[in-house]
Amino acid sequence: MNTHINKRGQIVYENENGDIGIARPQEPFHQEKHGIVQDIKEGVQDVKEGIINLADKITGNDHHHSQSDH
């Protein structure tokens, strides 16, 4: 079985039948990526909330605002 580590820190392996697989990244690369993914998720949530607030202002709908204020 042949193996190597790709640019993303993943172990790529190929067996004698030509089957290829990718294993999880090894530490600490995996932890670093997990932090980045978490930051992206939080950023997307912030953008989502901002878009909802903007849409509410444009349409004059304060339904979302009244729920968060109370």
PDB file of N, CA and C in Angstrom:
ATOM      1  N   MET A   1       0.850  -1.181   0.000  1.00  0.00           N
ATOM      2  CA  MET A   1       0.000   0.000   0.000  1.00  0.00           C
ATOM      3  C   MET A   1       0.893   1.241   0.000  1.00  0.00           C
ATOM      4  N   ASN A   2       0.593   2.174  -0.887  1.00  0.00           N
ATOM      5  CA  ASN A   2       1.330   3.430  -0.986  1.00  0.00           C
ATOM      6  C   ASN A   2       0.581   4.513  -0.225  1.00  0.00           C
ATOM      7  N   THR A   3       1.322   5.344   0.497  1.00  0.00           N
ATOM      8  CA  THR A   3       0.698   6.463   1.206  1.00  0.00           C
ATOM      9  C   THR A   3       1.547   7.715   1.048  1.00  0.00           C
ATOM     10  N   HIS A   4       0.890   8.862   1.117  1.00  0.00           N
ATOM     11  CA  HIS A   4       1.588  10.145   1.189  1.00  0.00           C
ATOM     12  C   HIS A   4       0.650  11.151   1.843  1.00  0.00           C
ATOM     13  N   ILE A   5       1.195  12.269   2.290  1.00  0.00           N
ATOM     14  CA  ILE A   5       0.402  13.329   2.911  1.00  0.00           C
ATOM     15  C   ILE A   5       0.254  14.458   1.896  1.00  0.00           C
ATOM     16  N   ASN A   6      -0.997  14.852   1.629  1.00  0.00           N
ATOM     17  CA  ASN A   6      -1.235  15.912   0.649  1.00  0.00           C
ATOM     18  C   ASN A   6      -1.083  17.292   1.289  1.00  0.00           C
ATOM     19  N   LYS A   7      -1.307  18.353   0.498  1.00  0.00           N
ATOM     20  CA  LYS A   7      -1.134  19.729   0.975  1.00  0.00           C
ATOM     21  C   LYS A   7      -2.061  20.071   2.131  1.00  0.00           C
ATOM     22  N   ARG A   8      -3.194  19.372   2.218  1.00  0.00           N
ATOM     23  CA  ARG A   8      -4.173  19.661   3.261  1.00  0.00           C
ATOM     24  C   ARG A   8      -3.885  18.895   4.550  1.00  0.00           C
ATOM     25  N   GLY A   9      -2.785  18.131   4.588  1.00  0.00           N
ATOM     26  CA  GLY A   9      -2.430  17.380   5.780  1.00  0.00           C
ATOM     27  C   GLY A   9      -3.162  16.059   5.893  1.00  0.00           C
ATOM     28  N   GLN A  10      -3.792  15.620   4.815  1.00  0.00           N
ATOM     29  CA  GLN A  10      -4.530  14.365   4.822  1.00  0.00           C
ATOM     30  C   GLN A  10      -3.638  13.236   4.327  1.00  0.00           C
ATOM     31  N   ILE A  11      -3.821  12.061   4.910  1.00  0.00           N
ATOM     32  CA  ILE A  11      -3.090  10.896   4.440  1.00  0.00           C
ATOM     33  C   ILE A  11      -3.872  10.298   3.276  1.00  0.00           C
ATOM     34  N   VAL A  12      -3.220  10.216   2.127  1.00  0.00           N
ATOM     35  CA  VAL A  12      -3.827   9.627   0.932  1.00  0.00           C
ATOM     36  C   VAL A  12      -3.173   8.268   0.737  1.00  0.00           C
ATOM     37  N   TYR A  13      -4.002   7.237   0.588  1.00  0.00           N
ATOM     38  CA  TYR A  13      -3.442   5.904   0.412  1.00  0.00           C
ATOM     39  C   TYR A  13      -4.068   5.210  -0.789  1.00  0.00           C
ATOM     40  N   GLU A  14      -3.295   4.304  -1.381  1.00  0.00           N
ATOM     41  CA  GLU A  14      -3.758   3.536  -2.538  1.00  0.00           C
ATOM     42  C   GLU A  14      -3.315   2.095  -2.346  1.00  0.00           C
ATOM     43  N   ASN A  15      -4.256   1.157  -2.453  1.00  0.00           N
ATOM     44  CA  ASN A  15      -3.890  -0.247  -2.290  1.00  0.00           C
ATOM     45  C   ASN A  15      -3.522  -0.868  -3.635  1.00  0.00           C
ATOM     46  N   GLU A  16      -3.194  -2.136  -3.616  1.00  0.00           N
ATOM     47  CA  GLU A  16      -2.732  -2.802  -4.836  1.00  0.00           C
ATOM     48  C   GLU A  16      -3.819  -2.916  -5.909  1.00  0.00           C
ATOM     49  N   ASN A  17      -5.090  -2.761  -5.541  1.00  0.00           N
ATOM     50  CA  ASN A  17      -6.188  -2.803  -6.509  1.00  0.00           C
ATOM     51  C   ASN A  17      -6.474  -1.433  -7.114  1.00  0.00           C
ATOM     52  N   GLY A  18      -5.727  -0.427  -6.696  1.00  0.00           N
ATOM     53  CA  GLY A  18      -5.935   0.918  -7.216  1.00  0.00           C
ATOM     54  C   GLY A  18      -6.987   1.713  -6.465  1.00  0.00           C
ATOM     55  N   ASP A  19      -7.511   1.133  -5.367  1.00  0.00           N
ATOM     56  CA  ASP A  19      -8.484   1.863  -4.560  1.00  0.00           C
ATOM     57  C   ASP A  19      -7.774   2.968  -3.799  1.00  0.00           C
ATOM     58  N   ILE A  20      -8.337   4.169  -3.854  1.00  0.00           N
ATOM     59  CA  ILE A  20      -7.721   5.324  -3.211  1.00  0.00           C
ATOM     60  C   ILE A  20      -8.614   5.790  -2.076  1.00  0.00           C
ATOM     61  N   GLY A  21      -8.012   6.159  -0.966  1.00  0.00           N
ATOM     62  CA  GLY A  21      -8.763   6.685   0.171  1.00  0.00           C
ATOM     63  C   GLY A  21      -8.014   7.838   0.794  1.00  0.00           C
ATOM     64  N   ILE A  22      -8.732   8.637   1.568  1.00  0.00           N
ATOM     65  CA  ILE A  22      -8.127   9.765   2.269  1.00  0.00           C
ATOM     66  C   ILE A  22      -8.495   9.651   3.740  1.00  0.00           C
ATOM     67  N   ALA A  23      -7.492   9.684   4.589  1.00  0.00           N
ATOM     68  CA  ALA A  23      -7.708   9.619   6.030  1.00  0.00           C
ATOM     69  C   ALA A  23      -7.802  11.031   6.596  1.00  0.00           C
ATOM     70  N   ARG A  24      -8.235  11.134   7.832  1.00  0.00           N
ATOM     71  CA  ARG A  24      -8.338  12.442   8.481  1.00  0.00           C
ATOM     72  C   ARG A  24      -6.963  13.087   8.611  1.00  0.00           C
ATOM     73  N   PRO A  25      -6.919  14.420   8.608  1.00  0.00           N
ATOM     74  CA  PRO A  25      -5.647  15.117   8.800  1.00  0.00           C
ATOM     75  C   PRO A  25      -5.045  14.779  10.160  1.00  0.00           C
ATOM     76  N   GLN A  26      -3.751  14.832  10.222  1.00  0.00           N
ATOM     77  CA  GLN A  26      -3.055  14.555  11.469  1.00  0.00           C
ATOM     78  C   GLN A  26      -2.915  15.831  12.292  1.00  0.00           C
ATOM     79  N   GLU A  27      -2.728  15.702  13.587  1.00  0.00           N
ATOM     80  CA  GLU A  27      -2.546  16.854  14.477  1.00  0.00           C
ATOM     81  C   GLU A  27      -1.221  17.524  14.142  1.00  0.00           C
ATOM     82  N   PRO A  28      -1.001  18.801  14.376  1.00  0.00           N
ATOM     83  CA  PRO A  28      -1.969  19.794  14.855  1.00  0.00           C
ATOM     84  C   PRO A  28      -2.745  20.428  13.707  1.00  0.00           C
ATOM     85  N   PHE A  29      -2.457  20.012  12.488  1.00  0.00           N
ATOM     86  CA  PHE A  29      -3.106  20.593  11.307  1.00  0.00           C
ATOM     87  C   PHE A  29      -4.619  20.515  11.437  1.00  0.00           C
ATOM     88  N   HIS A  30      -5.131  19.382  11.916  1.00  0.00           N
ATOM     89  CA  HIS A  30      -6.573  19.191  12.056  1.00  0.00           C
ATOM     90  C   HIS A  30      -7.160  20.206  13.030  1.00  0.00           C
ATOM     91  N   GLN A  31      -6.495  20.438  14.149  1.00  0.00           N
ATOM     92  CA  GLN A  31      -6.989  21.403  15.136  1.00  0.00           C
ATOM     93  C   GLN A  31      -7.014  22.804  14.554  1.00  0.00           C
ATOM     94  N   GLU A  32      -5.991  23.148  13.802  1.00  0.00           N
ATOM     95  CA  GLU A  32      -5.927  24.472  13.173  1.00  0.00           C
ATOM     96  C   GLU A  32      -7.089  24.645  12.205  1.00  0.00           C
ATOM     97  N   LYS A  33      -7.349  23.640  11.394  1.00  0.00           N
ATOM     98  CA  LYS A  33      -8.449  23.706  10.431  1.00  0.00           C
ATOM     99  C   LYS A  33      -9.790  23.772  11.149  1.00  0.00           C
ATOM    100  N   HIS A  34      -9.939  23.029  12.251  1.00  0.00           N
ATOM    101  CA  HIS A  34     -11.199  23.046  12.999  1.00  0.00           C
ATOM    102  C   HIS A  34     -11.493  24.459  13.490  1.00  0.00           C
ATOM    103  N   GLY A  35     -10.468  25.155  13.962  1.00  0.00           N
ATOM    104  CA  GLY A  35     -10.652  26.534  14.413  1.00  0.00           C
ATOM    105  C   GLY A  35     -11.081  27.443  13.279  1.00  0.00           C
ATOM    106  N   ILE A  36     -10.502  27.242  12.113  1.00  0.00           N
ATOM    107  CA  ILE A  36     -10.865  28.045  10.943  1.00  0.00           C
ATOM    108  C   ILE A  36     -12.312  27.774  10.547  1.00  0.00           C
ATOM    109  N   VAL A  37     -12.703  26.504  10.547  1.00  0.00           N
ATOM    110  CA  VAL A  37     -14.085  26.149  10.192  1.00  0.00           C
ATOM    111  C   VAL A  37     -15.053  26.769  11.187  1.00  0.00           C
ATOM    112  N   GLN A  38     -14.718  26.731  12.469  1.00  0.00           N
ATOM    113  CA  GLN A  38     -15.587  27.329  13.485  1.00  0.00           C
ATOM    114  C   GLN A  38     -15.712  28.829  13.254  1.00  0.00           C
ATOM    115  N   ASP A  39     -14.610  29.493  12.937  1.00  0.00           N
ATOM    116  CA  ASP A  39     -14.646  30.931  12.649  1.00  0.00           C
ATOM    117  C   ASP A  39     -15.536  31.225  11.445  1.00  0.00           C
ATOM    118  N   ILE A  40     -15.457  30.381  10.424  1.00  0.00           N
ATOM    119  CA  ILE A  40     -16.286  30.576   9.230  1.00  0.00           C
ATOM    120  C   ILE A  40     -17.758  30.415   9.583  1.00  0.00           C
ATOM    121  N   LYS A  41     -18.087  29.389  10.375  1.00  0.00           N
ATOM    122  CA  LYS A  41     -19.482  29.171  10.775  1.00  0.00           C
ATOM    123  C   LYS A  41     -20.021  30.376  11.535  1.00  0.00           C
ATOM    124  N   GLU A  42     -19.216  30.905  12.458  1.00  0.00           N
ATOM    125  CA  GLU A  42     -19.646  32.073  13.226  1.00  0.00           C
ATOM    126  C   GLU A  42     -19.806  33.284  12.314  1.00  0.00           C
ATOM    127  N   GLY A  43     -18.914  33.449  11.367  1.00  0.00           N
ATOM    128  CA  GLY A  43     -19.003  34.562  10.425  1.00  0.00           C
ATOM    129  C   GLY A  43     -20.239  34.464   9.554  1.00  0.00           C
ATOM    130  N   VAL A  44     -20.557  33.255   9.104  1.00  0.00           N
ATOM    131  CA  VAL A  44     -21.762  33.055   8.291  1.00  0.00           C
ATOM    132  C   VAL A  44     -23.000  33.386   9.111  1.00  0.00           C
ATOM    133  N   GLN A  45     -23.028  32.991  10.373  1.00  0.00           N
ATOM    134  CA  GLN A  45     -24.171  33.296  11.237  1.00  0.00           C
ATOM    135  C   GLN A  45     -24.319  34.807  11.400  1.00  0.00           C
ATOM    136  N   ASP A  46     -23.204  35.516  11.590  1.00  0.00           N
ATOM    137  CA  ASP A  46     -23.248  36.976  11.711  1.00  0.00           C
ATOM    138  C   ASP A  46     -23.798  37.611  10.433  1.00  0.00           C
ATOM    139  N   VAL A  47     -23.358  37.118   9.279  1.00  0.00           N
ATOM    140  CA  VAL A  47     -23.840  37.651   7.999  1.00  0.00           C
ATOM    141  C   VAL A  47     -25.333  37.383   7.857  1.00  0.00           C
ATOM    142  N   LYS A  48     -25.755  36.178   8.224  1.00  0.00           N
ATOM    143  CA  LYS A  48     -27.180  35.821   8.143  1.00  0.00           C
ATOM    144  C   LYS A  48     -28.018  36.782   8.983  1.00  0.00           C
ATOM    145  N   GLU A  49     -27.583  37.035  10.213  1.00  0.00           N
ATOM    146  CA  GLU A  49     -28.322  37.947  11.089  1.00  0.00           C
ATOM    147  C   GLU A  49     -28.331  39.363  10.520  1.00  0.00           C
ATOM    148  N   GLY A  50     -27.218  39.782   9.939  1.00  0.00           N
ATOM    149  CA  GLY A  50     -27.149  41.105   9.331  1.00  0.00           C
ATOM    150  C   GLY A  50     -28.091  41.245   8.151  1.00  0.00           C
ATOM    151  N   ILE A  51     -28.173  40.203   7.338  1.00  0.00           N
ATOM    152  CA  ILE A  51     -29.081  40.235   6.183  1.00  0.00           C
ATOM    153  C   ILE A  51     -30.532  40.283   6.652  1.00  0.00           C
ATOM    154  N   ILE A  52     -30.869  39.513   7.684  1.00  0.00           N
ATOM    155  CA  ILE A  52     -32.235  39.539   8.225  1.00  0.00           C
ATOM    156  C   ILE A  52     -32.568  40.933   8.743  1.00  0.00           C
ATOM    157  N   ASN A  53     -31.642  41.544   9.476  1.00  0.00           N
ATOM    158  CA  ASN A  53     -31.873  42.895  10.001  1.00  0.00           C
ATOM    159  C   ASN A  53     -32.047  43.902   8.868  1.00  0.00           C
ATOM    160  N   LEU A  54     -31.219  43.794   7.835  1.00  0.00           N
ATOM    161  CA  LEU A  54     -31.328  44.698   6.694  1.00  0.00           C
ATOM    162  C   LEU A  54     -32.673  44.517   5.987  1.00  0.00           C
ATOM    163  N   ALA A  55     -33.062  43.270   5.773  1.00  0.00           N
ATOM    164  CA  ALA A  55     -34.350  42.997   5.123  1.00  0.00           C
ATOM    165  C   ALA A  55     -35.500  43.549   5.952  1.00  0.00           C
ATOM    166  N   ASP A  56     -35.415  43.411   7.270  1.00  0.00           N
ATOM    167  CA  ASP A  56     -36.460  43.944   8.150  1.00  0.00           C
ATOM    168  C   ASP A  56     -36.548  45.463   8.041  1.00  0.00           C
ATOM    169  N   LYS A  57     -35.391  46.120   7.957  1.00  0.00           N
ATOM    170  CA  LYS A  57     -35.392  47.585   7.833  1.00  0.00           C
ATOM    171  C   LYS A  57     -36.000  48.013   6.503  1.00  0.00           C
ATOM    172  N   ILE A  58     -35.660  47.301   5.446  1.00  0.00           N
ATOM    173  CA  ILE A  58     -36.178  47.642   4.119  1.00  0.00           C
ATOM    174  C   ILE A  58     -37.687  47.441   4.057  1.00  0.00           C
ATOM    175  N   THR A  59     -38.165  46.350   4.634  1.00  0.00           N
ATOM    176  CA  THR A  59     -39.594  46.027   4.551  1.00  0.00           C
ATOM    177  C   THR A  59     -40.405  46.642   5.681  1.00  0.00           C
ATOM    178  N   GLY A  60     -39.721  47.212   6.679  1.00  0.00           N
ATOM    179  CA  GLY A  60     -40.430  47.780   7.824  1.00  0.00           C
ATOM    180  C   GLY A  60     -40.941  46.722   8.786  1.00  0.00           C
ATOM    181  N   ASN A  61     -40.441  45.511   8.669  1.00  0.00           N
ATOM    182  CA  ASN A  61     -40.850  44.407   9.541  1.00  0.00           C
ATOM    183  C   ASN A  61     -39.967  44.407  10.779  1.00  0.00           C
ATOM    184  N   ASP A  62     -40.560  44.642  11.945  1.00  0.00           N
ATOM    185  CA  ASP A  62     -39.763  44.629  13.179  1.00  0.00           C
ATOM    186  C   ASP A  62     -39.993  43.343  13.962  1.00  0.00           C
ATOM    187  N   HIS A  63     -40.553  42.330  13.322  1.00  0.00           N
ATOM    188  CA  HIS A  63     -40.858  41.060  13.991  1.00  0.00           C
ATOM    189  C   HIS A  63     -39.598  40.436  14.596  1.00  0.00           C
ATOM    190  N   HIS A  64     -38.518  40.367  13.812  1.00  0.00           N
ATOM    191  CA  HIS A  64     -37.284  39.768  14.312  1.00  0.00           C
ATOM    192  C   HIS A  64     -36.673  40.616  15.417  1.00  0.00           C
ATOM    193  N   HIS A  65     -36.743  41.925  15.277  1.00  0.00           N
ATOM    194  CA  HIS A  65     -36.162  42.817  16.282  1.00  0.00           C
ATOM    195  C   HIS A  65     -36.902  42.701  17.603  1.00  0.00           C
ATOM    196  N   SER A  66     -38.228  42.622  17.558  1.00  0.00           N
ATOM    197  CA  SER A  66     -38.996  42.587  18.794  1.00  0.00           C
ATOM    198  C   SER A  66     -38.730  41.309  19.569  1.00  0.00           C
ATOM    199  N   GLN A  67     -38.456  40.203  18.871  1.00  0.00           N
ATOM    200  CA  GLN A  67     -38.154  38.959  19.568  1.00  0.00           C
ATOM    201  C   GLN A  67     -36.804  39.032  20.254  1.00  0.00           C
ATOM    202  N   SER A  68     -35.821  39.628  19.607  1.00  0.00           N
ATOM    203  CA  SER A  68     -34.491  39.686  20.201  1.00  0.00           C
ATOM    204  C   SER A  68     -34.407  40.732  21.305  1.00  0.00           C
ATOM    205  N   ASP A  69     -35.288  41.743  21.261  1.00  0.00           N
ATOM    206  CA  ASP A  69     -35.250  42.788  22.280  1.00  0.00           C
ATOM    207  C   ASP A  69     -35.916  42.356  23.578  1.00  0.00           C
ATOM    208  N   HIS A  70     -36.810  41.369  23.522  1.00  0.00           N
ATOM    209  CA  HIS A  70     -37.560  40.984  24.718  1.00  0.00           C
ATOM    210  C   HIS A  70     -37.007  39.780  25.355  1.00  0.00           C
TER     211      HIS A  70
END
